[in-house]
Amino acid sequence: MASRRQWRYLGFFPGALRRVTFNTFVRLLEANGFCLHRQGKGSHAIYRGVVDGKVMFVTVAAHRASDDIKPGTLAAMIRQSGLPKKLFQ
């Protein structure tokens, strides 16, 4: 039997985030006006955008663009972006 955490990760709970790859996340950021601000250390890329008149920075730490983003990491990046969670569900 799967635990509640596993079910939420699989997307069976209402409001749960779907699986998103780093490549898809970056495309969603760019579609909403974000652009690459600078390349940080190693695999960290910092994207800059303006949301509701505020300048927002999102750190994307992708080792491989095709990897799935873990739910906690995805939630943190969505929070940094200031974009509505609905875009990522």
N, C-alpha and C. Protein backbone atom coordinates (compact mmCIF):
# COMPACT_ATOMS: atom_id res chain seq x y z
N MET A 1 0.84 -1.19 0.00
CA MET A 1 0.00 0.00 0.00
C MET A 1 0.88 1.24 0.00
N ALA A 2 0.59 2.15 -0.86
CA ALA A 2 1.37 3.38 -0.96
C ALA A 2 0.99 4.35 0.16
N SER A 3 1.99 5.08 0.63
CA SER A 3 1.72 6.06 1.68
C SER A 3 1.07 7.30 1.06
N ARG A 4 0.55 8.19 1.93
CA ARG A 4 -0.11 9.41 1.45
C ARG A 4 0.87 10.26 0.65
N ARG A 5 2.12 10.31 1.10
CA ARG A 5 3.13 11.11 0.41
C ARG A 5 3.33 10.60 -1.03
N GLN A 6 3.39 9.27 -1.17
CA GLN A 6 3.57 8.70 -2.50
C GLN A 6 2.37 8.99 -3.39
N TRP A 7 1.15 8.90 -2.82
CA TRP A 7 -0.04 9.18 -3.61
C TRP A 7 -0.04 10.63 -4.08
N ARG A 8 0.34 11.55 -3.17
CA ARG A 8 0.36 12.96 -3.54
C ARG A 8 1.37 13.18 -4.67
N TYR A 9 2.54 12.54 -4.58
CA TYR A 9 3.55 12.70 -5.62
C TYR A 9 3.04 12.18 -6.96
N LEU A 10 2.26 11.12 -6.92
CA LEU A 10 1.73 10.55 -8.15
C LEU A 10 0.57 11.37 -8.71
N GLY A 11 0.11 12.37 -7.95
CA GLY A 11 -0.91 13.27 -8.47
C GLY A 11 -2.35 12.83 -8.24
N PHE A 12 -2.60 11.96 -7.26
CA PHE A 12 -3.95 11.49 -7.03
C PHE A 12 -4.75 12.39 -6.11
N PHE A 13 -4.09 13.29 -5.39
CA PHE A 13 -4.80 14.20 -4.50
C PHE A 13 -5.14 15.48 -5.22
N PRO A 14 -6.30 16.05 -4.94
CA PRO A 14 -6.64 17.33 -5.57
C PRO A 14 -5.63 18.39 -5.15
N GLY A 15 -5.22 19.21 -6.09
CA GLY A 15 -4.27 20.26 -5.79
C GLY A 15 -2.82 19.81 -5.85
N ALA A 16 -2.60 18.51 -6.08
CA ALA A 16 -1.23 18.00 -6.15
C ALA A 16 -0.58 18.47 -7.45
N LEU A 17 0.70 18.73 -7.37
CA LEU A 17 1.43 19.16 -8.56
C LEU A 17 1.72 17.95 -9.44
N ARG A 18 1.63 18.16 -10.74
CA ARG A 18 1.96 17.06 -11.65
C ARG A 18 3.47 17.00 -11.82
N ARG A 19 3.93 15.92 -12.38
CA ARG A 19 5.36 15.79 -12.64
C ARG A 19 5.77 16.76 -13.74
N VAL A 20 6.83 17.48 -13.48
CA VAL A 20 7.32 18.48 -14.43
C VAL A 20 8.82 18.28 -14.58
N THR A 21 9.31 18.33 -15.81
CA THR A 21 10.76 18.25 -16.02
C THR A 21 11.35 19.66 -15.95
N PHE A 22 12.65 19.73 -15.77
CA PHE A 22 13.31 21.03 -15.71
C PHE A 22 13.13 21.78 -17.03
N ASN A 23 13.18 21.05 -18.13
CA ASN A 23 13.02 21.66 -19.44
C ASN A 23 11.63 22.31 -19.58
N THR A 24 10.59 21.60 -19.15
CA THR A 24 9.23 22.11 -19.20
C THR A 24 9.08 23.33 -18.29
N PHE A 25 9.67 23.26 -17.10
CA PHE A 25 9.58 24.38 -16.16
C PHE A 25 10.22 25.63 -16.75
N VAL A 26 11.39 25.48 -17.36
CA VAL A 26 12.07 26.63 -17.96
C VAL A 26 11.25 27.20 -19.11
N ARG A 27 10.62 26.34 -19.91
CA ARG A 27 9.76 26.81 -21.00
C ARG A 27 8.58 27.60 -20.46
N LEU A 28 7.98 27.14 -19.35
CA LEU A 28 6.87 27.86 -18.73
C LEU A 28 7.33 29.21 -18.20
N LEU A 29 8.51 29.25 -17.59
CA LEU A 29 9.05 30.53 -17.11
C LEU A 29 9.23 31.50 -18.28
N GLU A 30 9.87 31.03 -19.34
CA GLU A 30 10.14 31.89 -20.49
C GLU A 30 8.85 32.35 -21.17
N ALA A 31 7.83 31.51 -21.18
CA ALA A 31 6.55 31.89 -21.77
C ALA A 31 5.85 32.97 -20.94
N ASN A 32 6.23 33.09 -19.67
CA ASN A 32 5.64 34.09 -18.79
C ASN A 32 6.56 35.27 -18.53
N GLY A 33 7.50 35.50 -19.44
CA GLY A 33 8.31 36.71 -19.40
C GLY A 33 9.63 36.62 -18.66
N PHE A 34 10.01 35.45 -18.19
CA PHE A 34 11.29 35.29 -17.51
C PHE A 34 12.38 35.06 -18.55
N CYS A 35 13.59 35.51 -18.24
CA CYS A 35 14.73 35.25 -19.12
C CYS A 35 15.93 34.89 -18.26
N LEU A 36 16.90 34.24 -18.87
CA LEU A 36 18.09 33.83 -18.15
C LEU A 36 18.85 35.07 -17.72
N HIS A 37 19.00 35.26 -16.42
CA HIS A 37 19.70 36.43 -15.87
C HIS A 37 21.19 36.15 -15.81
N ARG A 38 21.55 34.99 -15.26
CA ARG A 38 22.94 34.58 -15.23
C ARG A 38 23.03 33.09 -14.95
N GLN A 39 24.16 32.53 -15.31
CA GLN A 39 24.44 31.12 -15.03
C GLN A 39 25.23 31.09 -13.73
N GLY A 40 24.68 30.45 -12.73
CA GLY A 40 25.35 30.37 -11.43
C GLY A 40 26.41 29.28 -11.45
N LYS A 41 26.79 28.85 -10.26
CA LYS A 41 27.80 27.81 -10.14
C LYS A 41 27.25 26.48 -10.66
N GLY A 42 28.02 25.82 -11.46
CA GLY A 42 27.64 24.49 -11.93
C GLY A 42 26.34 24.49 -12.70
N SER A 43 25.36 23.77 -12.16
CA SER A 43 24.10 23.58 -12.88
C SER A 43 23.02 24.59 -12.49
N HIS A 44 23.35 25.57 -11.67
CA HIS A 44 22.36 26.55 -11.22
C HIS A 44 22.22 27.69 -12.23
N ALA A 45 21.00 27.90 -12.70
CA ALA A 45 20.70 29.01 -13.61
C ALA A 45 19.70 29.91 -12.91
N ILE A 46 19.92 31.23 -12.97
CA ILE A 46 19.04 32.18 -12.32
C ILE A 46 18.24 32.91 -13.39
N TYR A 47 16.91 32.80 -13.30
CA TYR A 47 16.01 33.45 -14.25
C TYR A 47 15.39 34.67 -13.59
N ARG A 48 15.19 35.73 -14.38
CA ARG A 48 14.65 36.99 -13.88
C ARG A 48 13.38 37.32 -14.65
N GLY A 49 12.36 37.78 -13.93
CA GLY A 49 11.12 38.18 -14.57
C GLY A 49 10.38 39.18 -13.70
N VAL A 50 9.40 39.83 -14.29
CA VAL A 50 8.58 40.79 -13.56
C VAL A 50 7.17 40.22 -13.46
N VAL A 51 6.69 40.06 -12.22
CA VAL A 51 5.36 39.53 -11.96
C VAL A 51 4.64 40.53 -11.05
N ASP A 52 3.52 41.05 -11.53
CA ASP A 52 2.73 42.03 -10.76
C ASP A 52 3.57 43.23 -10.33
N GLY A 53 4.45 43.68 -11.21
CA GLY A 53 5.27 44.85 -10.92
C GLY A 53 6.47 44.59 -10.03
N LYS A 54 6.69 43.35 -9.63
CA LYS A 54 7.83 43.00 -8.78
C LYS A 54 8.83 42.19 -9.59
N VAL A 55 10.11 42.49 -9.38
CA VAL A 55 11.17 41.71 -10.03
C VAL A 55 11.37 40.43 -9.22
N MET A 56 11.28 39.30 -9.89
CA MET A 56 11.40 38.00 -9.22
C MET A 56 12.58 37.24 -9.82
N PHE A 57 13.30 36.53 -8.97
CA PHE A 57 14.41 35.69 -9.39
C PHE A 57 14.09 34.25 -9.01
N VAL A 58 14.33 33.34 -9.95
CA VAL A 58 14.10 31.91 -9.72
C VAL A 58 15.39 31.17 -10.00
N THR A 59 15.83 30.38 -9.02
CA THR A 59 17.02 29.55 -9.20
C THR A 59 16.58 28.18 -9.66
N VAL A 60 17.08 27.77 -10.82
CA VAL A 60 16.77 26.45 -11.37
C VAL A 60 18.06 25.63 -11.35
N ALA A 61 18.07 24.58 -10.54
CA ALA A 61 19.26 23.73 -10.40
C ALA A 61 19.03 22.42 -11.13
N ALA A 62 19.31 22.42 -12.40
CA ALA A 62 19.05 21.23 -13.23
C ALA A 62 20.35 20.60 -13.67
N HIS A 63 20.55 19.36 -13.29
CA HIS A 63 21.73 18.64 -13.78
C HIS A 63 21.46 18.12 -15.18
N ARG A 64 20.25 17.62 -15.39
CA ARG A 64 19.80 17.19 -16.71
C ARG A 64 18.43 17.79 -16.96
N ALA A 65 18.21 18.36 -18.12
CA ALA A 65 16.94 19.01 -18.43
C ALA A 65 15.78 18.03 -18.47
N SER A 66 16.06 16.76 -18.71
CA SER A 66 14.99 15.76 -18.84
C SER A 66 14.58 15.15 -17.50
N ASP A 67 15.26 15.49 -16.41
CA ASP A 67 14.92 14.95 -15.09
C ASP A 67 13.63 15.56 -14.56
N ASP A 68 12.86 14.76 -13.82
CA ASP A 68 11.67 15.27 -13.13
C ASP A 68 12.11 16.09 -11.93
N ILE A 69 11.36 17.14 -11.64
CA ILE A 69 11.64 17.97 -10.47
C ILE A 69 10.90 17.36 -9.28
N LYS A 70 11.61 17.21 -8.17
CA LYS A 70 10.98 16.68 -6.96
C LYS A 70 9.91 17.67 -6.49
N PRO A 71 8.83 17.17 -5.87
CA PRO A 71 7.71 18.04 -5.50
C PRO A 71 8.09 19.22 -4.62
N GLY A 72 8.95 19.01 -3.63
CA GLY A 72 9.35 20.10 -2.75
C GLY A 72 10.16 21.16 -3.48
N THR A 73 11.03 20.73 -4.37
CA THR A 73 11.84 21.65 -5.17
C THR A 73 10.95 22.44 -6.12
N LEU A 74 9.99 21.75 -6.74
CA LEU A 74 9.06 22.42 -7.64
C LEU A 74 8.24 23.47 -6.89
N ALA A 75 7.75 23.13 -5.70
CA ALA A 75 6.97 24.08 -4.91
C ALA A 75 7.81 25.31 -4.56
N ALA A 76 9.08 25.11 -4.24
CA ALA A 76 9.96 26.23 -3.90
C ALA A 76 10.20 27.13 -5.11
N MET A 77 10.39 26.52 -6.29
CA MET A 77 10.64 27.32 -7.50
C MET A 77 9.38 28.08 -7.91
N ILE A 78 8.21 27.48 -7.73
CA ILE A 78 6.96 28.18 -8.03
C ILE A 78 6.79 29.36 -7.09
N ARG A 79 7.11 29.16 -5.81
CA ARG A 79 7.02 30.23 -4.82
C ARG A 79 7.98 31.37 -5.18
N GLN A 80 9.20 31.05 -5.61
CA GLN A 80 10.17 32.06 -6.01
C GLN A 80 9.69 32.85 -7.22
N SER A 81 8.99 32.19 -8.13
CA SER A 81 8.58 32.84 -9.37
C SER A 81 7.43 33.82 -9.17
N GLY A 82 6.58 33.57 -8.17
CA GLY A 82 5.42 34.42 -7.96
C GLY A 82 4.29 34.15 -8.94
N LEU A 83 4.43 33.13 -9.78
CA LEU A 83 3.40 32.75 -10.73
C LEU A 83 2.34 31.90 -10.03
N PRO A 84 1.11 31.89 -10.54
CA PRO A 84 0.06 31.06 -9.90
C PRO A 84 0.37 29.58 -10.04
N LYS A 85 0.05 28.84 -9.00
CA LYS A 85 0.29 27.40 -8.97
C LYS A 85 -0.48 26.66 -10.06
N LYS A 86 -1.60 27.26 -10.50
CA LYS A 86 -2.44 26.62 -11.54
C LYS A 86 -1.67 26.35 -12.83
N LEU A 87 -0.68 27.19 -13.14
CA LEU A 87 0.09 26.99 -14.37
C LEU A 87 0.83 25.66 -14.40
N PHE A 88 1.11 25.13 -13.22
CA PHE A 88 1.96 23.95 -13.12
C PHE A 88 1.16 22.70 -12.77
N GLN A 89 -0.17 22.77 -12.74
CA GLN A 89 -0.97 21.61 -12.41
C GLN A 89 -1.52 20.95 -13.63
